[in-house]
Each structure stands twice: as structure tokens, then as C-alpha cells.
Amino acid sequence: MHHFFTESFNIQGDVIRIEGSDVNHIRNVLRMKPGEELSVSVPGDDREYRCGIEEINEDEVICSLRFIKEEGVELPYKITLFQGLPKADKMELIIQKAVELGAYEIVPVKTERSVVKLDDKKAKQKRERWQGISEAAAKQSRRGVIPEVTLPLTMKEAVSRAKEMTLACIPYELAEGMEETKKFLERMCEKKNGSLGIFIGPEGGFTREEVELANAAGVIPVSLGRRILRTETAGMTMLSIIMYQLEVMA
């Protein structure tokens, strides 16, 4: 079933309206017809509205509400992925999979070993594209929110943000085994909800100084095992572990 987002003011009783670029997608790409079913979410509202198409007009799709699925799909923690800027188009894959796995926000981070350098103009252009990828992934995975992709931050700025979070971790190849990872997950489950940060380095990882900076701010070094993971794999791995723990706990 195809999933779309709309604003709360577009839901009036049993009538739901879809506007914007989704109208063209429904009409000309998916070639949907009146009578077909789709689902709709309002960003920030954890419910899913199942409805049938009544009319497809030039600037809006009018649907009738059939039922509301109350069971939420969002995790109890708002997870921020602090991703060291990777090379080429890896960031697009990282954003897509992070959204599918439940990330609430993705923050690109300029680190010492980041090869990619973005000026303000390029950063804004990239962010627009990355946000579009986040929205598409949110629709595909039927999320209740569209995770925000921010403009790139420095490592110092990212660590400062993490100070305000309930918990934060930094997978690091020199961390002392999986015991710290286990302790971190236990603390996460004890607290049950809040905000959680995950720091992932670019190709080449974080420098020791960056890890020490993060650690001094309360970000906990953890291990992802004995193998060295690629930057595009590490975030998915940590998010998968966290998602499993939180889904079991729910």
C-alpha cells in the first residue's frame, strides 16, 4: 500500500486531502484511480489513516477515511544519527536506511578525516536532496514522521548537541569489547525513552582526539564487534541493534 504525508488541517472529519508534489505522483506516476486504497500520516502524529481515493484533481487528491490504525511505528527514543560526511553518494544510502530503521534525525558531521568539503551553497543543495531522500524513505517504510536532515555541523557542534541528550554512543574500533555495548544497551532499556545520539565516523573513522572530545561530553565509546565496518554499514548496524532492543522492550 502506498503511503503519503499531509498536514493536520487537511483532515476534516472523514475527508482527507493530499496536496503538493504527491498529487502528480499519485495521478501520473502511480496512475492510481478513485476507489483505490492508500495510507496517510501527519508528521508528529503516530497514527496511520487508511483511506480510499474519491477524487483526483489537478492540485489535490480527496480521500475518504476508512479507519485509523492506532498502533504506532515510532521508537520510544528520538534517535539522532551523527554521520561523519562520507565520500561520493554514500550519504544517500545512509539516510535511506537510517530512516527505515527508525532514526528521528540525521546530522551530517564535518570531521578531521572527512574527504568531502562542502561550502554553504553546496551544503544547502545537498541538504535539499538528502531531505527528499528522507521523505521518500519515510513514505516507503510508513513512518509517522519525516526525519529531518540538518545542515552539516562540526564535530564540536555535534558533541555540544549530544550533551543535551539522554544517552549517546560512539562506535569505535579501539573500544574495549562488547561489554561496554551491552552496558549501554542496558542503560537505554532502563531509561525506556528520551533522546539518543549515535556518532559514526567517515572513511578512516574518528581521530583519537575526536573520540576523547565526545567522551568528555558523556558520549560512550562502544564496540560493534571484532570486524572493521564501513561507514555506511556501521550506522545501520548500531540502529538495527537498538531497534531490536527497543522493539523487544515494547
Protein backbone atom coordinates (compact mmCIF):
# COMPACT_ATOMS: atom_id res chain seq x y z
CA MET A 1 0.00 0.00 0.00
CA HIS A 2 1.29 3.45 -0.91
CA HIS A 3 1.88 5.86 1.96
CA PHE A 4 1.79 9.67 1.94
CA PHE A 5 2.02 12.61 4.31
CA THR A 6 -0.36 15.52 4.75
CA GLU A 7 -0.91 18.37 7.22
CA SER A 8 -3.37 18.12 10.10
CA PHE A 9 -5.61 20.85 8.63
CA ASN A 10 -6.16 18.61 5.60
CA ILE A 11 -8.00 16.08 7.76
CA GLN A 12 -11.56 17.23 8.38
CA GLY A 13 -13.88 14.56 9.70
CA ASP A 14 -13.86 11.67 7.24
CA VAL A 15 -12.34 13.76 4.43
CA ILE A 16 -8.58 13.74 3.89
CA ARG A 17 -6.82 15.89 1.29
CA ILE A 18 -3.36 15.29 -0.16
CA GLU A 19 -1.63 18.26 -1.79
CA GLY A 20 1.72 19.24 -3.30
CA SER A 21 4.06 17.04 -5.35
CA ASP A 22 2.31 13.87 -4.18
CA VAL A 23 -0.69 14.75 -6.35
CA ASN A 24 1.38 14.40 -9.53
CA HIS A 25 2.95 11.22 -8.18
CA ILE A 26 -0.44 9.65 -7.44
CA ARG A 27 -2.02 10.74 -10.73
CA ASN A 28 0.79 10.43 -13.30
CA VAL A 29 3.40 8.09 -11.81
CA LEU A 30 1.37 5.57 -9.83
CA ARG A 31 -1.71 6.13 -12.03
CA MET A 32 -3.99 5.46 -9.10
CA LYS A 33 -7.75 5.65 -9.59
CA PRO A 34 -10.76 6.51 -7.41
CA GLY A 35 -11.63 3.56 -5.18
CA GLU A 36 -8.02 2.52 -4.59
CA GLU A 37 -6.73 2.50 -1.03
CA LEU A 38 -3.73 4.35 0.42
CA SER A 39 -2.48 5.36 3.85
CA VAL A 40 -1.72 8.82 5.18
CA SER A 41 0.25 10.16 8.15
CA VAL A 42 0.57 13.60 9.68
CA PRO A 43 4.16 14.37 10.75
CA GLY A 44 4.33 14.06 14.53
CA ASP A 45 1.08 12.07 14.76
CA ASP A 46 1.85 8.41 15.38
CA ARG A 47 -1.42 7.21 13.83
CA GLU A 48 -1.91 5.88 10.32
CA TYR A 49 -5.03 6.91 8.43
CA ARG A 50 -6.29 4.31 5.94
CA CYS A 51 -8.47 5.82 3.26
CA GLY A 52 -9.89 5.39 -0.23
CA ILE A 53 -9.45 7.80 -3.12
CA GLU A 54 -12.64 9.70 -4.01
CA GLU A 55 -11.36 12.33 -6.47
CA ILE A 56 -8.07 13.12 -8.20
CA ASN A 57 -7.90 16.78 -9.21
CA GLU A 58 -5.14 18.99 -10.61
CA ASP A 59 -3.96 20.26 -7.23
CA GLU A 60 -5.35 17.80 -4.69
CA VAL A 61 -6.40 14.22 -4.08
CA ILE A 62 -9.55 13.89 -1.99
CA CYS A 63 -9.88 10.71 0.07
CA SER A 64 -12.44 9.29 2.48
CA LEU A 65 -11.29 7.87 5.80
CA ARG A 66 -11.93 4.16 6.27
CA PHE A 67 -10.23 3.53 9.62
CA ILE A 68 -7.37 4.71 11.82
CA LYS A 69 -4.56 2.38 12.75
CA GLU A 70 -3.61 3.41 16.28
CA GLU A 71 -0.59 1.16 16.73
CA GLY A 72 2.46 3.40 16.43
CA VAL A 73 5.55 2.62 14.39
CA GLU A 74 7.88 5.10 16.08
CA LEU A 75 10.53 4.04 18.59
CA PRO A 76 10.32 5.32 22.19
CA TYR A 77 13.64 7.14 21.73
CA LYS A 78 14.19 10.00 19.30
CA ILE A 79 17.41 8.80 17.69
CA THR A 80 19.83 11.22 16.06
CA LEU A 81 22.44 9.78 13.74
CA PHE A 82 25.54 11.98 13.73
CA GLN A 83 27.14 10.80 10.49
CA GLY A 84 30.67 11.78 9.52
CA LEU A 85 30.50 13.04 5.93
CA PRO A 86 31.38 10.11 3.64
CA LYS A 87 32.67 10.14 0.08
CA ALA A 88 30.63 10.04 -3.14
CA ASP A 89 26.91 9.32 -2.76
CA LYS A 90 27.16 7.07 0.31
CA MET A 91 25.26 9.62 2.37
CA GLU A 92 22.14 8.97 0.30
CA LEU A 93 22.18 5.26 1.14
CA ILE A 94 22.92 6.01 4.80
CA ILE A 95 19.97 8.40 5.07
CA GLN A 96 17.60 6.00 3.34
CA LYS A 97 18.47 3.07 5.60
CA ALA A 98 18.65 5.16 8.78
CA VAL A 99 15.09 6.38 8.17
CA GLU A 100 13.88 2.83 7.51
CA LEU A 101 15.48 1.68 10.77
CA GLY A 102 13.82 4.36 12.88
CA ALA A 103 16.20 7.35 13.08
CA TYR A 104 14.41 10.56 14.02
CA GLU A 105 17.07 12.92 12.70
CA ILE A 106 20.26 12.71 10.62
CA VAL A 107 23.06 15.20 11.25
CA PRO A 108 25.98 15.25 8.76
CA VAL A 109 29.22 15.95 10.61
CA LYS A 110 32.43 17.53 9.29
CA THR A 111 35.24 15.53 10.86
CA GLU A 112 39.03 15.63 10.52
CA ARG A 113 39.06 12.62 8.20
CA SER A 114 36.08 13.66 6.08
CA VAL A 115 37.28 13.93 2.48
CA VAL A 116 34.15 15.77 1.32
CA LYS A 117 34.25 19.53 1.84
CA LEU A 118 31.02 21.50 1.36
CA ASP A 119 30.71 25.27 1.19
CA ASP A 120 27.45 26.88 2.32
CA LYS A 121 25.86 26.80 -1.14
CA LYS A 122 26.72 23.15 -1.79
CA ALA A 123 25.66 22.19 1.73
CA LYS A 124 22.19 23.70 1.20
CA GLN A 125 21.83 21.95 -2.16
CA LYS A 126 22.89 18.63 -0.67
CA ARG A 127 20.54 19.07 2.25
CA GLU A 128 17.56 19.61 -0.06
CA ARG A 129 18.36 16.39 -1.90
CA TRP A 130 19.01 14.49 1.33
CA GLN A 131 15.71 15.70 2.81
CA GLY A 132 13.89 14.43 -0.28
CA ILE A 133 15.52 11.02 0.21
CA SER A 134 14.42 11.04 3.86
CA GLU A 135 10.83 11.82 2.89
CA ALA A 136 10.76 9.07 0.25
CA ALA A 137 12.16 6.55 2.75
CA ALA A 138 9.62 7.65 5.38
CA LYS A 139 6.79 7.04 2.93
CA GLN A 140 8.17 3.65 1.89
CA SER A 141 8.57 2.47 5.49
CA ARG A 142 5.27 4.08 6.58
CA ARG A 143 6.86 6.19 9.28
CA GLY A 144 4.83 8.55 11.43
CA VAL A 145 7.37 11.35 10.91
CA ILE A 146 9.65 12.62 8.18
CA PRO A 147 13.12 12.61 9.79
CA GLU A 148 14.95 15.89 9.36
CA VAL A 149 18.37 16.01 7.72
CA THR A 150 20.18 19.06 9.04
CA LEU A 151 22.92 21.17 7.54
CA PRO A 152 26.40 19.80 8.34
CA LEU A 153 27.84 20.54 11.79
CA THR A 154 31.41 20.50 13.02
CA MET A 155 32.37 17.71 15.40
CA LYS A 156 32.48 20.22 18.24
CA GLU A 157 28.95 21.44 17.43
CA ALA A 158 27.65 17.87 17.16
CA VAL A 159 29.16 16.89 20.51
CA SER A 160 27.63 20.00 22.09
CA ARG A 161 24.20 18.87 20.87
CA ALA A 162 24.78 15.37 22.23
CA LYS A 163 25.39 16.79 25.71
CA GLU A 164 21.69 17.59 25.94
CA MET A 165 20.60 14.05 25.03
CA THR A 166 19.53 11.28 27.36
CA LEU A 167 22.22 8.95 26.02
CA ALA A 168 24.80 8.98 23.24
CA CYS A 169 27.34 6.48 21.96
CA ILE A 170 30.26 6.43 19.57
CA PRO A 171 31.17 3.08 17.99
CA TYR A 172 34.97 2.99 17.96
CA GLU A 173 37.33 0.26 16.81
CA LEU A 174 39.53 0.69 19.89
CA ALA A 175 36.65 0.40 22.36
CA GLU A 176 37.09 -2.38 24.91
CA GLY A 177 34.98 -5.23 23.55
CA MET A 178 31.24 -5.77 23.54
CA GLU A 179 30.84 -5.40 27.30
CA GLU A 180 30.53 -1.60 27.01
CA THR A 181 27.98 -2.04 24.24
CA LYS A 182 25.97 -4.34 26.49
CA LYS A 183 26.10 -1.83 29.35
CA PHE A 184 25.00 0.98 27.04
CA LEU A 185 22.00 -1.03 25.82
CA GLU A 186 21.06 -1.93 29.39
CA ARG A 187 21.10 1.75 30.38
CA MET A 188 18.98 2.55 27.34
CA CYS A 189 16.38 -0.04 28.29
CA GLU A 190 16.33 1.12 31.91
CA LYS A 191 15.56 4.71 30.90
CA LYS A 192 12.90 3.47 28.40
CA ASN A 193 12.61 6.70 26.38
CA GLY A 194 14.21 10.05 25.64
CA SER A 195 16.76 11.22 23.08
CA LEU A 196 19.66 9.13 21.87
CA GLY A 197 22.67 10.03 19.72
CA ILE A 198 24.83 7.74 17.60
CA PHE A 199 28.16 9.01 16.26
CA ILE A 200 29.52 7.30 13.14
CA GLY A 201 32.86 8.24 11.63
CA PRO A 202 33.62 8.71 7.93
CA GLU A 203 36.04 6.53 5.96
CA GLY A 204 39.07 6.21 8.21
CA GLY A 205 36.99 6.67 11.34
CA PHE A 206 37.32 9.26 14.07
CA THR A 207 40.65 10.52 15.33
CA ARG A 208 41.58 9.75 18.92
CA GLU A 209 41.14 13.45 19.74
CA GLU A 210 37.56 13.42 18.38
CA VAL A 211 36.71 10.35 20.43
CA GLU A 212 38.17 11.98 23.54
CA LEU A 213 36.16 15.15 22.83
CA ALA A 214 32.99 13.10 22.59
CA ASN A 215 33.83 11.01 25.64
CA ALA A 216 34.46 14.15 27.72
CA ALA A 217 30.91 15.24 26.85
CA GLY A 218 29.43 11.97 28.09
CA VAL A 219 29.29 10.15 24.74
CA ILE A 220 30.02 6.48 25.47
CA PRO A 221 32.53 4.53 23.31
CA VAL A 222 31.10 1.16 22.27
CA SER A 223 32.18 -1.71 20.05
CA LEU A 224 30.38 -3.20 17.07
CA GLY A 225 32.43 -6.37 17.13
CA ARG A 226 35.82 -7.61 16.03
CA ARG A 227 35.46 -6.64 12.40
CA ILE A 228 36.00 -3.16 10.97
CA LEU A 229 32.80 -1.96 9.34
CA ARG A 230 32.43 0.52 6.50
CA THR A 231 30.92 3.87 7.40
CA GLU A 232 27.73 3.02 5.50
CA THR A 233 27.45 -0.26 7.44
CA ALA A 234 28.27 0.92 10.96
CA GLY A 235 25.26 3.19 11.38
CA MET A 236 22.87 0.56 10.06
CA THR A 237 24.36 -1.99 12.44
CA MET A 238 24.01 0.19 15.53
CA LEU A 239 20.49 1.28 14.58
CA SER A 240 19.49 -2.35 13.99
CA ILE A 241 20.79 -3.39 17.40
CA ILE A 242 18.97 -0.51 19.10
CA MET A 243 15.75 -1.09 17.16
CA TYR A 244 15.74 -4.75 18.15
CA GLN A 245 16.30 -3.95 21.83
CA LEU A 246 13.57 -1.30 21.89
CA GLU A 247 11.05 -3.42 19.97
CA VAL A 248 11.62 -6.35 22.36
CA MET A 249 11.25 -3.98 25.31
CA ALA A 250 7.96 -2.51 24.00
